[in-house]
Amino acid sequence: MDTRIALLGIFVEDRDSTPRLQELLHEYGEYIVGRMGIPNARKGLSVISIVIDAPQDVISALSGKIGMLPGVSVQTMYSKIDK
């Protein structure tokens, strides 16, 4: 199965969405290569970056589910390497 490397950039502005976000990341954990979270209390938001190695449809599904969470926005960037 062909997989792609992608970076999901996530802004969490509503902390009430954090438990569901954590559940989603756990659900897709087998594909996650790395993760970094940076809380910014001054601005009232957290920034999370996720590196994922997965089939295109899996990346799209995770990104879509995250984007539907209240107070959470996500952008996905893909590596040009397609293997």
N, C-alpha and C. Protein backbone atom coordinates (compact mmCIF):
# COMPACT_ATOMS: atom_id res chain seq x y z
N MET A 1 0.84 -1.17 0.00
CA MET A 1 0.00 0.00 0.00
C MET A 1 0.89 1.24 0.00
N ASP A 2 0.62 2.17 -0.90
CA ASP A 2 1.40 3.40 -0.97
C ASP A 2 1.01 4.34 0.15
N THR A 3 2.02 4.94 0.75
CA THR A 3 1.78 5.90 1.82
C THR A 3 2.43 7.22 1.46
N ARG A 4 2.02 8.26 2.17
CA ARG A 4 2.60 9.59 1.99
C ARG A 4 3.00 10.12 3.35
N ILE A 5 3.97 11.02 3.34
CA ILE A 5 4.36 11.73 4.54
C ILE A 5 3.64 13.07 4.50
N ALA A 6 2.98 13.40 5.61
CA ALA A 6 2.27 14.67 5.69
C ALA A 6 2.51 15.30 7.05
N LEU A 7 2.35 16.61 7.09
CA LEU A 7 2.43 17.38 8.32
C LEU A 7 1.08 18.03 8.55
N LEU A 8 0.48 17.73 9.69
CA LEU A 8 -0.78 18.36 10.06
C LEU A 8 -0.47 19.45 11.07
N GLY A 9 -0.80 20.68 10.74
CA GLY A 9 -0.65 21.81 11.65
C GLY A 9 -2.01 22.09 12.27
N ILE A 10 -2.09 22.04 13.58
CA ILE A 10 -3.37 22.14 14.28
C ILE A 10 -3.33 23.30 15.28
N PHE A 11 -4.36 24.15 15.24
CA PHE A 11 -4.57 25.19 16.25
C PHE A 11 -5.77 24.79 17.09
N VAL A 12 -5.60 24.76 18.39
CA VAL A 12 -6.69 24.46 19.31
C VAL A 12 -7.01 25.72 20.09
N GLU A 13 -8.17 26.31 19.81
CA GLU A 13 -8.60 27.53 20.49
C GLU A 13 -9.68 27.24 21.53
N ASP A 14 -10.30 26.08 21.46
CA ASP A 14 -11.33 25.67 22.41
C ASP A 14 -10.84 24.42 23.14
N ARG A 15 -10.40 24.60 24.37
CA ARG A 15 -9.81 23.48 25.12
C ARG A 15 -10.82 22.37 25.39
N ASP A 16 -12.11 22.64 25.28
CA ASP A 16 -13.12 21.60 25.47
C ASP A 16 -13.04 20.53 24.38
N SER A 17 -12.41 20.85 23.25
CA SER A 17 -12.26 19.89 22.16
C SER A 17 -11.03 18.99 22.33
N THR A 18 -10.21 19.29 23.32
CA THR A 18 -8.96 18.53 23.51
C THR A 18 -9.18 17.04 23.74
N PRO A 19 -10.13 16.62 24.60
CA PRO A 19 -10.31 15.17 24.79
C PRO A 19 -10.64 14.43 23.49
N ARG A 20 -11.51 14.99 22.68
CA ARG A 20 -11.86 14.32 21.41
C ARG A 20 -10.67 14.32 20.45
N LEU A 21 -9.91 15.41 20.44
CA LEU A 21 -8.71 15.45 19.61
C LEU A 21 -7.73 14.36 20.04
N GLN A 22 -7.53 14.20 21.33
CA GLN A 22 -6.64 13.15 21.83
C GLN A 22 -7.13 11.76 21.42
N GLU A 23 -8.45 11.56 21.47
CA GLU A 23 -9.02 10.27 21.05
C GLU A 23 -8.71 9.99 19.58
N LEU A 24 -8.88 11.01 18.74
CA LEU A 24 -8.60 10.84 17.31
C LEU A 24 -7.13 10.52 17.07
N LEU A 25 -6.24 11.23 17.75
CA LEU A 25 -4.81 10.98 17.57
C LEU A 25 -4.45 9.58 18.05
N HIS A 26 -5.09 9.13 19.12
CA HIS A 26 -4.85 7.76 19.59
C HIS A 26 -5.36 6.74 18.57
N GLU A 27 -6.54 7.02 18.01
CA GLU A 27 -7.15 6.12 17.03
C GLU A 27 -6.25 5.95 15.79
N TYR A 28 -5.57 7.01 15.40
CA TYR A 28 -4.70 6.98 14.22
C TYR A 28 -3.23 6.83 14.60
N GLY A 29 -2.95 6.46 15.83
CA GLY A 29 -1.59 6.40 16.37
C GLY A 29 -0.63 5.53 15.59
N GLU A 30 -1.12 4.49 14.97
CA GLU A 30 -0.23 3.59 14.22
C GLU A 30 0.45 4.29 13.04
N TYR A 31 -0.13 5.40 12.59
CA TYR A 31 0.42 6.13 11.45
C TYR A 31 1.27 7.33 11.86
N ILE A 32 1.18 7.74 13.11
CA ILE A 32 1.86 8.96 13.56
C ILE A 32 3.34 8.67 13.79
N VAL A 33 4.18 9.46 13.13
CA VAL A 33 5.63 9.32 13.24
C VAL A 33 6.15 10.20 14.38
N GLY A 34 5.60 11.39 14.52
CA GLY A 34 6.05 12.31 15.55
C GLY A 34 5.00 13.35 15.84
N ARG A 35 5.14 13.97 17.02
CA ARG A 35 4.14 14.93 17.45
C ARG A 35 4.81 15.95 18.36
N MET A 36 4.42 17.22 18.20
CA MET A 36 4.93 18.28 19.07
C MET A 36 3.77 19.21 19.40
N GLY A 37 3.61 19.49 20.67
CA GLY A 37 2.56 20.40 21.10
C GLY A 37 3.15 21.59 21.84
N ILE A 38 2.68 22.77 21.51
CA ILE A 38 3.17 23.99 22.14
C ILE A 38 1.97 24.78 22.66
N PRO A 39 1.79 24.82 23.99
CA PRO A 39 0.70 25.63 24.53
C PRO A 39 1.12 27.11 24.58
N ASN A 40 0.18 27.99 24.31
CA ASN A 40 0.44 29.42 24.40
C ASN A 40 -0.66 30.04 25.25
N ALA A 41 -0.46 30.02 26.57
CA ALA A 41 -1.48 30.50 27.50
C ALA A 41 -1.79 31.98 27.29
N ARG A 42 -0.79 32.76 26.92
CA ARG A 42 -1.00 34.19 26.69
C ARG A 42 -2.03 34.45 25.60
N LYS A 43 -2.00 33.64 24.58
CA LYS A 43 -2.94 33.79 23.45
C LYS A 43 -4.17 32.90 23.60
N GLY A 44 -4.16 31.99 24.57
CA GLY A 44 -5.30 31.11 24.78
C GLY A 44 -5.46 30.04 23.72
N LEU A 45 -4.34 29.56 23.20
CA LEU A 45 -4.42 28.50 22.20
C LEU A 45 -3.23 27.58 22.31
N SER A 46 -3.35 26.43 21.69
CA SER A 46 -2.25 25.47 21.59
C SER A 46 -1.99 25.19 20.12
N VAL A 47 -0.72 24.97 19.82
CA VAL A 47 -0.31 24.63 18.46
C VAL A 47 0.26 23.22 18.51
N ILE A 48 -0.25 22.35 17.64
CA ILE A 48 0.20 20.96 17.61
C ILE A 48 0.63 20.64 16.18
N SER A 49 1.78 20.00 16.05
CA SER A 49 2.19 19.52 14.72
C SER A 49 2.30 18.00 14.79
N ILE A 50 1.76 17.36 13.78
CA ILE A 50 1.74 15.91 13.68
C ILE A 50 2.38 15.50 12.36
N VAL A 51 3.37 14.63 12.41
CA VAL A 51 3.94 14.05 11.20
C VAL A 51 3.35 12.65 11.07
N ILE A 52 2.79 12.38 9.90
CA ILE A 52 2.07 11.12 9.69
C ILE A 52 2.55 10.46 8.40
N ASP A 53 2.66 9.15 8.43
CA ASP A 53 3.04 8.36 7.26
C ASP A 53 1.91 7.37 7.05
N ALA A 54 1.04 7.67 6.08
CA ALA A 54 -0.19 6.88 5.92
C ALA A 54 -0.69 6.98 4.48
N PRO A 55 -1.62 6.10 4.11
CA PRO A 55 -2.27 6.24 2.81
C PRO A 55 -3.03 7.58 2.73
N GLN A 56 -3.15 8.09 1.53
CA GLN A 56 -3.81 9.38 1.31
C GLN A 56 -5.19 9.46 1.96
N ASP A 57 -5.99 8.40 1.83
CA ASP A 57 -7.35 8.45 2.38
C ASP A 57 -7.35 8.50 3.90
N VAL A 58 -6.37 7.89 4.54
CA VAL A 58 -6.26 7.93 6.00
C VAL A 58 -5.91 9.35 6.46
N ILE A 59 -4.96 9.98 5.77
CA ILE A 59 -4.57 11.35 6.12
C ILE A 59 -5.76 12.29 5.96
N SER A 60 -6.47 12.15 4.85
CA SER A 60 -7.64 13.01 4.60
C SER A 60 -8.72 12.79 5.65
N ALA A 61 -8.95 11.54 6.02
CA ALA A 61 -9.99 11.24 7.02
C ALA A 61 -9.64 11.85 8.37
N LEU A 62 -8.39 11.71 8.79
CA LEU A 62 -7.99 12.28 10.08
C LEU A 62 -8.08 13.80 10.04
N SER A 63 -7.57 14.41 9.00
CA SER A 63 -7.61 15.86 8.87
C SER A 63 -9.05 16.37 8.87
N GLY A 64 -9.93 15.68 8.18
CA GLY A 64 -11.34 16.07 8.13
C GLY A 64 -12.01 15.97 9.49
N LYS A 65 -11.74 14.91 10.21
CA LYS A 65 -12.34 14.73 11.54
C LYS A 65 -11.83 15.79 12.51
N ILE A 66 -10.54 16.10 12.43
CA ILE A 66 -9.98 17.13 13.31
C ILE A 66 -10.60 18.49 12.97
N GLY A 67 -10.72 18.78 11.70
CA GLY A 67 -11.27 20.07 11.27
C GLY A 67 -12.72 20.28 11.66
N MET A 68 -13.44 19.22 11.96
CA MET A 68 -14.85 19.35 12.36
C MET A 68 -15.01 19.62 13.85
N LEU A 69 -13.93 19.54 14.61
CA LEU A 69 -14.01 19.80 16.04
C LEU A 69 -14.20 21.30 16.29
N PRO A 70 -15.08 21.66 17.22
CA PRO A 70 -15.29 23.08 17.52
C PRO A 70 -14.02 23.74 18.06
N GLY A 71 -13.70 24.91 17.52
CA GLY A 71 -12.55 25.66 18.01
C GLY A 71 -11.21 25.06 17.62
N VAL A 72 -11.21 24.18 16.62
CA VAL A 72 -9.96 23.54 16.16
C VAL A 72 -9.85 23.76 14.65
N SER A 73 -8.67 24.18 14.21
CA SER A 73 -8.44 24.29 12.77
C SER A 73 -7.19 23.49 12.42
N VAL A 74 -7.17 22.99 11.20
CA VAL A 74 -6.07 22.12 10.76
C VAL A 74 -5.74 22.42 9.31
N GLN A 75 -4.45 22.36 9.00
CA GLN A 75 -3.96 22.46 7.63
C GLN A 75 -3.01 21.30 7.41
N THR A 76 -3.05 20.74 6.22
CA THR A 76 -2.21 19.58 5.91
C THR A 76 -1.26 19.93 4.77
N MET A 77 0.00 19.60 4.96
CA MET A 77 1.02 19.75 3.92
C MET A 77 1.56 18.36 3.60
N TYR A 78 1.79 18.11 2.32
CA TYR A 78 2.28 16.81 1.89
C TYR A 78 3.70 16.91 1.36
N SER A 79 4.49 15.88 1.65
CA SER A 79 5.81 15.78 1.07
C SER A 79 5.68 15.51 -0.43
N LYS A 80 6.65 15.95 -1.17
CA LYS A 80 6.63 15.68 -2.61
C LYS A 80 7.02 14.24 -2.91
N ILE A 81 7.65 13.58 -1.93
CA ILE A 81 8.04 12.18 -2.10
C ILE A 81 6.80 11.31 -1.98
N ASP A 82 6.55 10.51 -2.98
CA ASP A 82 5.36 9.65 -3.03
C ASP A 82 5.81 8.20 -3.14
N LYS A 83 5.80 7.44 -2.03
CA LYS A 83 6.28 6.05 -2.07
C LYS A 83 5.28 5.13 -1.46
